[in-house]
N, C-alpha and C. Protein backbone atom coordinates (compact mmCIF):
# COMPACT_ATOMS: atom_id res chain seq x y z
N MET A 1 117.23 171.96 110.41
CA MET A 1 117.84 170.65 110.21
C MET A 1 119.17 170.88 110.23
N SER A 2 119.99 170.16 111.15
CA SER A 2 121.38 170.31 110.94
C SER A 2 121.47 169.22 110.15
N ALA A 3 123.22 169.20 109.76
CA ALA A 3 123.19 168.03 108.94
C ALA A 3 124.83 167.70 108.96
N THR A 4 124.86 166.75 110.40
CA THR A 4 126.57 166.63 110.85
C THR A 4 126.54 165.18 110.09
N PRO A 5 127.90 165.40 109.02
CA PRO A 5 128.34 163.99 109.09
C PRO A 5 128.59 163.42 110.22
N SER A 6 129.06 161.72 110.28
CA SER A 6 129.69 160.74 110.70
C SER A 6 131.34 161.58 110.87
N ASN A 7 131.66 160.79 111.86
CA ASN A 7 133.52 161.19 111.93
C ASN A 7 134.27 159.99 111.37
N MET A 8 133.52 158.70 110.60
CA MET A 8 134.10 157.86 110.44
C MET A 8 135.33 156.96 110.85
N LEU A 9 134.88 156.58 111.81
CA LEU A 9 135.99 155.50 112.79
C LEU A 9 136.77 154.69 111.74
N GLU A 10 137.65 154.49 112.03
CA GLU A 10 139.29 153.83 111.47
C GLU A 10 138.14 152.36 111.62
N LEU A 11 138.14 151.72 109.93
CA LEU A 11 137.69 150.40 109.50
C LEU A 11 138.44 149.69 110.39
N GLY A 12 137.97 148.33 111.29
CA GLY A 12 139.63 147.31 111.86
C GLY A 12 139.23 148.01 112.83
N THR A 13 138.67 149.20 113.62
CA THR A 13 138.84 149.27 115.27
C THR A 13 137.67 148.26 115.42
N THR A 14 138.24 148.05 117.32
CA THR A 14 137.70 146.61 117.81
C THR A 14 136.45 147.41 118.66
N LEU A 15 135.31 146.60 118.61
CA LEU A 15 134.45 147.15 119.39
C LEU A 15 134.26 147.49 120.33
N PRO A 16 134.07 149.07 120.42
CA PRO A 16 133.86 149.22 122.21
C PRO A 16 133.38 148.55 123.16
N SER A 17 133.83 148.64 124.00
CA SER A 17 133.26 147.17 125.09
C SER A 17 132.39 148.30 125.99
N PHE A 18 130.54 147.93 126.16
CA PHE A 18 129.63 148.84 126.87
C PHE A 18 128.72 147.28 127.63
N SER A 19 128.36 148.08 128.53
CA SER A 19 127.05 147.69 129.31
C SER A 19 126.05 148.84 129.53
N LEU A 20 124.77 148.79 129.01
CA LEU A 20 123.85 149.67 129.51
C LEU A 20 122.63 149.55 129.54
N PRO A 21 121.47 150.06 129.89
CA PRO A 21 120.05 149.14 130.13
C PRO A 21 119.70 149.73 128.90
N ASP A 22 118.40 148.35 129.01
CA ASP A 22 117.71 148.45 127.95
C ASP A 22 116.47 149.27 128.20
N THR A 23 115.83 149.76 127.49
CA THR A 23 114.90 150.95 127.76
C THR A 23 113.82 150.07 128.03
N VAL A 24 113.53 149.05 126.77
CA VAL A 24 112.15 148.21 126.67
C VAL A 24 112.33 146.79 127.30
N SER A 25 113.36 146.69 127.93
CA SER A 25 112.59 144.88 129.09
C SER A 25 113.34 145.48 130.17
N GLY A 26 113.95 146.52 130.53
CA GLY A 26 115.03 147.28 131.21
C GLY A 26 115.95 146.03 132.20
N ASN A 27 116.51 145.25 130.89
CA ASN A 27 117.66 144.31 131.59
C ASN A 27 118.61 145.68 130.97
N THR A 28 120.09 145.08 131.91
CA THR A 28 121.49 145.57 130.46
C THR A 28 121.66 144.81 129.54
N VAL A 29 122.31 145.31 128.91
CA VAL A 29 122.72 144.83 127.93
C VAL A 29 124.16 145.03 126.91
N SER A 30 124.98 143.93 127.17
CA SER A 30 126.46 143.51 127.23
C SER A 30 126.69 143.74 125.74
N SER A 31 127.57 144.42 125.48
CA SER A 31 128.76 144.37 123.57
C SER A 31 129.14 143.30 123.35
N ASP A 32 129.69 142.45 124.66
CA ASP A 32 130.22 141.04 125.13
C ASP A 32 129.50 140.49 124.87
N GLU A 33 128.08 139.80 124.68
CA GLU A 33 127.16 139.29 124.57
C GLU A 33 126.19 139.28 124.10
N SER A 34 126.65 140.10 123.27
CA SER A 34 125.23 141.09 122.16
C SER A 34 126.07 140.60 120.41
N VAL A 35 127.41 140.05 120.32
CA VAL A 35 127.55 140.06 118.85
C VAL A 35 127.31 138.76 118.31
N GLY A 36 126.37 138.65 117.42
CA GLY A 36 125.90 137.38 116.46
C GLY A 36 126.59 136.88 115.79
N GLU A 37 126.33 135.84 115.27
CA GLU A 37 127.39 134.58 114.59
C GLU A 37 128.05 134.99 113.28
N ASN A 38 127.75 136.49 112.66
CA ASN A 38 127.99 136.99 111.86
C ASN A 38 128.30 138.54 112.15
N GLY A 39 128.21 139.19 113.20
CA GLY A 39 128.61 140.37 113.73
C GLY A 39 127.56 141.14 114.46
N ILE A 40 127.92 142.69 114.15
CA ILE A 40 126.44 143.44 115.65
C ILE A 40 126.71 144.56 114.80
N MET A 41 125.52 145.24 114.40
CA MET A 41 125.76 146.55 113.88
C MET A 41 124.86 147.26 115.20
N VAL A 42 125.41 148.30 115.00
CA VAL A 42 125.37 149.22 116.54
C VAL A 42 124.98 151.02 115.81
N MET A 43 124.09 151.06 116.46
CA MET A 43 123.00 152.41 115.45
C MET A 43 123.13 153.43 116.51
N PHE A 44 123.51 154.03 116.51
CA PHE A 44 123.20 155.47 117.06
C PHE A 44 122.23 156.33 116.29
N ILE A 45 120.95 156.01 117.68
CA ILE A 45 119.85 157.29 117.11
C ILE A 45 119.10 158.06 118.09
N CYS A 46 118.02 158.36 117.71
CA CYS A 46 117.04 159.54 118.98
C CYS A 46 115.88 159.32 118.27
N ASN A 47 114.96 159.81 119.63
CA ASN A 47 113.56 159.71 119.03
C ASN A 47 113.38 160.92 117.97
N HIS A 48 113.45 162.41 117.98
CA HIS A 48 113.58 163.41 117.79
C HIS A 48 113.87 163.85 116.37
N CYS A 49 114.85 163.28 115.70
CA CYS A 49 115.85 163.81 114.68
C CYS A 49 115.03 163.33 113.42
N PRO A 50 114.86 164.34 112.28
CA PRO A 50 114.18 164.03 111.51
C PRO A 50 115.05 163.01 110.39
N TYR A 51 116.57 163.23 110.89
CA TYR A 51 116.74 162.05 109.80
C TYR A 51 116.34 160.46 109.97
N VAL A 52 116.62 160.41 112.02
CA VAL A 52 116.25 158.74 112.17
C VAL A 52 114.97 158.88 111.67
N LYS A 53 113.95 159.57 111.89
CA LYS A 53 112.77 159.23 111.86
C LYS A 53 111.92 158.82 110.27
N HIS A 54 113.00 159.22 108.94
CA HIS A 54 112.56 159.45 107.70
C HIS A 54 113.32 157.77 107.62
N ILE A 55 114.32 156.99 108.53
CA ILE A 55 114.18 155.60 107.89
C ILE A 55 113.46 155.07 109.45
N TYR A 56 112.84 155.71 110.34
CA TYR A 56 112.15 154.17 111.11
C TYR A 56 111.69 153.49 110.45
N ASP A 57 110.85 153.07 109.50
CA ASP A 57 110.38 152.43 109.07
C ASP A 57 110.60 151.12 108.24
N ALA A 58 111.86 151.57 107.89
CA ALA A 58 112.74 150.67 107.14
C ALA A 58 113.81 149.73 107.98
N PHE A 59 114.18 150.30 109.46
CA PHE A 59 115.33 149.47 109.74
C PHE A 59 114.89 148.38 110.91
N GLY A 60 113.92 148.43 111.20
CA GLY A 60 112.96 147.32 112.04
C GLY A 60 113.16 146.47 110.77
N PRO A 61 112.03 146.48 109.53
CA PRO A 61 112.54 144.85 108.81
C PRO A 61 113.65 145.37 108.42
N LEU A 62 114.69 145.79 108.27
CA LEU A 62 115.91 145.54 107.52
C LEU A 62 116.63 144.39 108.96
N ALA A 63 116.52 145.01 110.26
CA ALA A 63 117.02 144.50 111.21
C ALA A 63 116.83 142.70 111.32
N ASP A 64 115.31 142.71 111.36
CA ASP A 64 114.29 141.82 111.72
C ASP A 64 114.96 140.38 110.58
N GLU A 65 115.60 141.22 109.19
CA GLU A 65 115.84 140.20 108.39
C GLU A 65 117.25 139.97 108.76
N TYR A 66 118.10 140.64 108.86
CA TYR A 66 119.36 140.45 109.27
C TYR A 66 120.01 139.49 110.18
N GLN A 67 119.00 139.86 111.59
CA GLN A 67 119.12 139.02 112.98
C GLN A 67 119.02 137.79 112.39
N LYS A 68 118.06 137.06 111.66
CA LYS A 68 117.86 135.65 110.82
C LYS A 68 119.11 135.28 110.27
N LYS A 69 120.32 136.15 109.95
CA LYS A 69 121.70 135.92 108.69
C LYS A 69 122.48 135.94 109.98
N GLY A 70 122.53 136.29 111.19
CA GLY A 70 123.13 135.97 112.34
C GLY A 70 124.04 137.55 112.37
N ILE A 71 122.96 138.42 112.21
CA ILE A 71 124.04 139.90 112.50
C ILE A 71 122.94 140.62 113.63
N ALA A 72 123.75 140.72 115.17
CA ALA A 72 123.01 141.10 115.97
C ALA A 72 122.61 142.48 115.70
N PHE A 73 121.39 143.37 116.30
CA PHE A 73 121.38 145.09 116.33
C PHE A 73 120.71 145.45 117.76
N ILE A 74 121.81 146.04 117.44
CA ILE A 74 121.80 146.94 119.37
C ILE A 74 121.30 148.78 118.89
N ALA A 75 120.31 149.47 119.03
CA ALA A 75 120.31 150.81 118.89
C ALA A 75 120.36 151.14 120.03
N VAL A 76 121.42 152.92 120.03
CA VAL A 76 121.71 153.34 121.32
C VAL A 76 121.16 154.88 121.08
N SER A 77 120.67 155.57 121.91
CA SER A 77 120.62 156.78 122.61
C SER A 77 121.46 157.47 123.29
N SER A 78 122.08 158.24 122.98
CA SER A 78 122.75 159.37 124.07
C SER A 78 122.67 160.84 123.94
N ASN A 79 122.02 161.40 123.43
CA ASN A 79 121.20 162.68 123.63
C ASN A 79 120.57 162.76 125.28
N ASP A 80 121.33 164.49 125.27
CA ASP A 80 121.11 164.82 126.61
C ASP A 80 120.19 165.16 126.57
N VAL A 81 118.92 164.31 127.53
CA VAL A 81 117.72 164.55 127.89
C VAL A 81 117.22 165.72 128.60
N GLU A 82 117.74 166.68 129.26
CA GLU A 82 117.73 167.56 130.14
C GLU A 82 117.56 168.62 129.01
N GLN A 83 118.17 168.81 127.78
CA GLN A 83 117.83 169.21 126.54
C GLN A 83 116.62 168.96 125.51
N TYR A 84 117.02 167.33 125.28
CA TYR A 84 115.04 166.47 124.91
C TYR A 84 114.30 165.67 125.25
N PRO A 85 113.63 165.86 126.35
CA PRO A 85 113.07 165.11 126.73
C PRO A 85 112.63 163.64 126.20
N GLU A 86 112.44 164.40 125.07
CA GLU A 86 111.52 162.93 124.15
C GLU A 86 112.76 162.18 123.91
N ASP A 87 114.05 162.41 124.16
CA ASP A 87 115.17 160.99 123.71
C ASP A 87 115.29 160.10 125.07
N GLY A 88 114.30 161.04 125.68
CA GLY A 88 114.59 160.18 127.56
C GLY A 88 114.29 158.84 127.31
N PRO A 89 114.21 157.85 128.55
CA PRO A 89 114.30 156.45 128.62
C PRO A 89 112.54 156.18 127.90
N GLU A 90 111.79 156.57 128.93
CA GLU A 90 110.41 156.47 128.97
C GLU A 90 109.37 156.75 127.26
N PRO A 91 110.03 157.65 126.51
CA PRO A 91 109.73 157.75 124.99
C PRO A 91 110.95 156.95 124.24
N MET A 92 111.86 156.29 124.27
CA MET A 92 112.22 155.22 123.78
C MET A 92 111.75 154.17 123.64
N LYS A 93 111.48 153.89 125.12
CA LYS A 93 110.68 152.63 125.55
C LYS A 93 109.04 152.42 124.69
N GLN A 94 108.40 153.81 124.48
CA GLN A 94 107.66 153.88 123.95
C GLN A 94 107.58 153.73 122.21
N LEU A 95 108.74 154.28 121.37
CA LEU A 95 108.54 154.31 120.31
C LEU A 95 108.95 152.70 119.71
N ALA A 96 110.13 152.20 120.70
CA ALA A 96 110.41 150.84 120.28
C ALA A 96 109.27 150.03 120.37
N ARG A 97 108.60 149.92 121.16
CA ARG A 97 107.12 148.85 121.33
C ARG A 97 106.08 149.63 120.09
N GLU A 98 106.12 150.98 119.56
CA GLU A 98 104.96 151.21 118.36
C GLU A 98 105.69 150.89 117.08
N LYS A 99 106.94 150.68 116.82
CA LYS A 99 107.44 150.21 116.28
C LYS A 99 107.31 148.20 115.60
N ASN A 100 107.37 148.33 116.97
CA ASN A 100 107.79 146.82 116.98
C ASN A 100 109.12 146.60 116.72
N TRP A 101 109.79 147.15 117.07
CA TRP A 101 111.73 146.61 116.73
C TRP A 101 111.97 145.59 117.74
N SER A 102 112.69 144.49 117.38
CA SER A 102 112.92 143.03 117.96
C SER A 102 113.93 143.40 118.24
N PHE A 103 115.08 144.82 118.52
CA PHE A 103 116.64 144.94 119.02
C PHE A 103 116.38 145.87 120.02
N PRO A 104 117.49 145.76 121.21
CA PRO A 104 116.95 146.65 122.27
C PRO A 104 118.00 148.05 121.67
N TYR A 105 116.92 149.00 122.58
CA TYR A 105 116.85 150.42 122.60
C TYR A 105 117.67 150.67 123.67
N LEU A 106 119.05 151.14 123.56
CA LEU A 106 119.68 151.55 124.91
C LEU A 106 119.77 152.64 125.43
N TYR A 107 120.38 153.02 126.21
CA TYR A 107 119.89 154.21 127.18
C TYR A 107 121.38 154.61 127.79
N ASP A 108 122.48 155.88 126.65
CA ASP A 108 123.48 155.67 127.48
C ASP A 108 123.93 157.07 127.92
N GLU A 109 123.18 157.13 129.22
CA GLU A 109 122.73 158.37 129.88
C GLU A 109 124.20 159.17 130.36
N THR A 110 125.51 158.52 130.92
CA THR A 110 126.79 159.37 130.82
C THR A 110 127.15 159.60 129.61
N GLN A 111 126.89 159.50 128.25
CA GLN A 111 127.49 159.48 126.83
C GLN A 111 128.57 158.95 126.33
N GLN A 112 129.33 158.60 127.24
CA GLN A 112 130.28 157.20 127.06
C GLN A 112 130.90 156.11 126.25
N VAL A 113 129.60 155.66 125.66
CA VAL A 113 129.27 154.88 124.70
C VAL A 113 129.72 155.41 123.12
N ALA A 114 128.79 156.96 123.59
CA ALA A 114 128.97 157.57 122.12
C ALA A 114 130.35 158.24 121.79
N LYS A 115 131.10 158.30 123.38
CA LYS A 115 132.32 158.76 122.92
C LYS A 115 133.42 158.18 122.76
N ALA A 116 133.33 156.51 123.11
CA ALA A 116 133.50 155.40 122.94
C ALA A 116 134.07 155.44 121.31
N PHE A 117 132.75 155.17 120.67
CA PHE A 117 132.55 155.56 119.12
C PHE A 117 132.77 156.34 118.21
N GLN A 118 133.16 157.39 119.15
CA GLN A 118 133.42 158.57 118.34
C GLN A 118 132.13 158.62 117.58
N ALA A 119 131.04 158.89 118.20
CA ALA A 119 129.81 158.75 117.28
C ALA A 119 129.28 160.39 117.12
N ALA A 120 128.96 160.67 116.19
CA ALA A 120 128.76 162.44 115.90
C ALA A 120 127.31 163.07 115.88
N CYS A 121 126.27 162.00 115.22
CA CYS A 121 125.25 162.10 114.39
C CYS A 121 124.23 160.68 115.04
N THR A 122 122.88 161.32 114.38
CA THR A 122 121.87 160.48 114.52
C THR A 122 121.72 160.58 112.79
N PRO A 123 121.24 159.54 112.36
CA PRO A 123 121.79 158.15 112.43
C PRO A 123 123.13 158.03 112.15
N ASP A 124 124.07 157.24 113.19
CA ASP A 124 125.42 157.19 112.86
C ASP A 124 125.42 155.66 113.31
N LEU A 125 125.88 154.51 112.17
CA LEU A 125 125.93 153.35 112.14
C LEU A 125 127.06 152.61 111.80
N PHE A 126 127.20 151.97 112.26
CA PHE A 126 128.80 150.86 113.20
C PHE A 126 128.73 149.66 112.79
N LEU A 127 128.97 149.06 111.78
CA LEU A 127 129.03 147.22 111.61
C LEU A 127 130.20 146.79 111.81
N PHE A 128 130.43 146.07 112.56
CA PHE A 128 131.82 144.95 113.43
C PHE A 128 131.33 143.52 112.46
N ASP A 129 131.88 142.85 112.36
CA ASP A 129 131.99 141.78 111.97
C ASP A 129 132.26 140.23 113.37
N SER A 130 132.14 138.99 113.06
CA SER A 130 132.39 138.14 113.84
C SER A 130 132.86 138.26 115.10
N GLU A 131 134.33 139.11 114.13
CA GLU A 131 135.65 139.16 115.01
C GLU A 131 135.79 140.51 116.08
N LYS A 132 134.25 141.37 115.75
CA LYS A 132 134.35 142.26 116.54
C LYS A 132 135.02 143.48 116.32
N LYS A 133 135.31 143.52 114.85
CA LYS A 133 136.35 144.93 114.20
C LYS A 133 135.66 145.46 113.18
N LEU A 134 135.45 146.56 113.06
CA LEU A 134 134.39 147.59 112.19
C LEU A 134 134.76 147.23 111.18
N ALA A 135 133.86 147.22 110.34
CA ALA A 135 134.00 146.71 108.60
C ALA A 135 133.01 147.86 107.85
N TYR A 136 131.57 148.47 108.61
CA TYR A 136 131.55 149.57 107.73
C TYR A 136 130.88 150.14 108.58
N ARG A 137 131.39 151.83 107.97
CA ARG A 137 130.21 152.89 109.37
C ARG A 137 130.47 154.12 108.17
N GLY A 138 128.58 154.15 108.28
CA GLY A 138 128.34 154.78 106.93
C GLY A 138 127.13 155.43 107.09
N GLN A 139 126.59 155.55 106.06
CA GLN A 139 125.08 155.56 105.58
C GLN A 139 124.22 154.82 105.24
N PHE A 140 122.95 154.85 105.62
CA PHE A 140 121.85 153.64 105.54
C PHE A 140 121.64 153.68 104.06
N ASP A 141 121.19 154.44 103.81
CA ASP A 141 121.25 154.84 101.91
C ASP A 141 121.42 156.22 101.63
N GLY A 142 121.64 156.22 100.49
CA GLY A 142 121.31 157.44 100.26
C GLY A 142 119.81 158.99 100.28
N SER A 143 119.17 158.10 101.26
CA SER A 143 117.74 159.00 100.85
C SER A 143 118.11 159.88 102.72
N ARG A 144 117.08 160.82 101.73
CA ARG A 144 117.37 162.30 103.27
C ARG A 144 116.52 162.91 102.94
N PRO A 145 115.82 163.13 104.55
CA PRO A 145 114.36 164.09 104.23
C PRO A 145 114.14 164.49 103.37
N ALA A 146 114.94 165.75 103.09
CA ALA A 146 114.53 166.81 101.56
C ALA A 146 115.06 166.05 100.55
N ASN A 147 114.98 164.88 100.42
CA ASN A 147 115.25 164.49 98.76
C ASN A 147 114.10 163.22 98.48
N GLU A 148 114.22 163.05 97.28
CA GLU A 148 113.16 161.89 96.95
C GLU A 148 113.43 160.99 96.68
N THR A 149 114.87 160.16 97.35
CA THR A 149 115.58 158.96 97.02
C THR A 149 114.34 157.88 97.72
N PRO A 150 114.46 156.80 97.57
CA PRO A 150 113.83 155.77 98.34
C PRO A 150 114.26 155.50 99.34
N VAL A 151 113.66 155.25 100.76
CA VAL A 151 114.11 154.52 101.28
C VAL A 151 114.47 153.45 101.86
N THR A 152 115.37 152.29 101.35
CA THR A 152 115.85 151.07 101.31
C THR A 152 116.91 150.38 101.68
N GLY A 153 117.76 151.51 102.36
CA GLY A 153 118.87 150.81 103.54
C GLY A 153 119.61 149.72 102.76
N SER A 154 120.10 150.24 101.19
CA SER A 154 120.62 149.78 100.03
C SER A 154 122.43 149.39 100.59
N ASP A 155 122.89 150.89 101.50
CA ASP A 155 124.05 150.60 101.55
C ASP A 155 124.47 150.07 102.73
N LEU A 156 123.83 149.88 103.62
CA LEU A 156 123.97 149.25 105.13
C LEU A 156 123.38 147.36 104.75
N ARG A 157 122.83 147.54 103.43
CA ARG A 157 122.46 146.20 103.22
C ARG A 157 123.94 145.09 102.74
N ALA A 158 124.12 146.02 101.67
CA ALA A 158 125.31 145.55 101.10
C ALA A 158 126.65 145.08 102.28
N ALA A 159 126.47 146.05 102.72
CA ALA A 159 127.82 145.81 103.31
C ALA A 159 127.50 144.76 104.45
N MET A 160 126.30 144.20 104.78
CA MET A 160 126.11 143.72 105.90
C MET A 160 126.18 142.11 104.81
N ASP A 161 125.50 142.04 103.31
CA ASP A 161 125.78 141.21 103.09
C ASP A 161 127.42 140.20 102.79
N PHE A 162 128.01 141.55 102.90
CA PHE A 162 129.60 141.08 102.06
C PHE A 162 130.08 140.35 103.60
N ILE A 163 129.95 141.33 104.57
CA ILE A 163 130.43 140.66 106.33
C ILE A 163 129.68 138.95 106.05
N ILE A 164 128.48 138.97 105.71
CA ILE A 164 127.84 137.42 105.64
C ILE A 164 128.80 136.35 105.12
N ALA A 165 129.14 137.52 103.79
CA ALA A 165 129.80 135.81 102.82
C ALA A 165 131.43 135.96 103.70
N GLY A 166 131.72 136.82 104.22
CA GLY A 166 133.18 136.75 104.66
C GLY A 166 133.79 137.72 103.97
N LYS A 167 133.37 138.52 103.36
CA LYS A 167 134.26 139.17 102.43
C LYS A 167 134.40 140.79 103.33
N PRO A 168 135.45 141.70 102.85
CA PRO A 168 135.39 143.02 103.24
C PRO A 168 134.55 143.73 102.47
N VAL A 169 134.00 144.81 103.11
CA VAL A 169 133.11 145.47 102.60
C VAL A 169 133.93 146.63 101.75
N PRO A 170 133.41 146.80 100.57
CA PRO A 170 134.60 147.76 99.89
C PRO A 170 134.21 149.26 100.19
N GLU A 171 135.42 149.69 99.85
CA GLU A 171 135.85 151.62 100.23
C GLU A 171 135.36 152.06 98.68
N PRO A 172 135.47 153.24 98.38
CA PRO A 172 135.01 154.34 100.01
C PRO A 172 133.53 154.02 100.44
N GLN A 173 133.21 154.30 101.35
CA GLN A 173 131.87 154.66 102.09
C GLN A 173 131.47 155.91 102.66
N VAL A 174 129.97 156.04 102.48
CA VAL A 174 129.81 157.54 102.44
C VAL A 174 129.18 157.45 104.09
N PRO A 175 129.53 158.38 104.49
CA PRO A 175 129.14 158.89 105.81
C PRO A 175 127.73 159.02 106.22
N SER A 176 127.09 158.29 107.07
CA SER A 176 126.10 159.16 107.52
C SER A 176 125.84 160.44 107.71
N ILE A 177 124.58 161.32 107.51
CA ILE A 177 124.28 162.39 107.91
C ILE A 177 123.51 162.30 109.24
N GLY A 178 123.46 163.29 109.88
CA GLY A 178 121.92 163.52 110.68
C GLY A 178 122.40 164.40 111.68
N CYS A 179 121.24 164.80 112.57
CA CYS A 179 121.74 165.30 113.59
C CYS A 179 122.68 165.33 114.75
N ASN A 180 123.41 166.46 115.31
CA ASN A 180 124.87 166.28 115.90
C ASN A 180 124.14 165.54 117.49
N ILE A 181 124.64 164.65 117.38
CA ILE A 181 124.24 164.47 118.91
C ILE A 181 124.41 165.78 120.05
N LYS A 182 123.60 165.08 120.98
CA LYS A 182 122.89 166.44 122.06
C LYS A 182 124.18 166.38 123.12
N TRP A 183 125.52 166.34 123.00
CA TRP A 183 126.04 166.31 124.23
C TRP A 183 125.60 167.53 125.55
N LYS A 184 126.11 166.82 126.40
CA LYS A 184 125.58 167.80 127.34
C LYS A 184 126.70 169.02 127.90
N ILE A 185 126.10 169.63 128.69
CA ILE A 185 126.94 170.85 128.51
C ILE A 185 127.97 170.73 130.05
């Protein structure tokens, strides 16, 4: 199991513009049309990574809770499906339905969206405020597949609470750690 940290994109960065297909609905989802009243959470994930699998069951309910508070959620998979077919659109659709996720699960076939965000790993989390400025990039919480720390989403939850309150998210922010994005060769 690899352990790649996130690149920690500079806070205040404007939400990169994107338009990608949602594997569940078949609709195209645009960043410009997806920001909630209080912001947007963009998560780079995939189906096969043990770090993502470790938090699967927690981020669905967390997304449900915070979408009601005005934060939109979008998941994106950018992995090379030639190397990792389980990260392709049909398995993505199956996983999202199985987990009953209420957010779109987008397929970044060209990997251009991952590059625009400087995403490095799965999960790699980017929370933008209502002005589309990066307020948080970091870990879901301190839990990892190899430790005994419970999965709570505490770091992300705290960050979302700050932006809902209209306050800056404090630093330092702890990088996310996960499998590296599987770039096309």
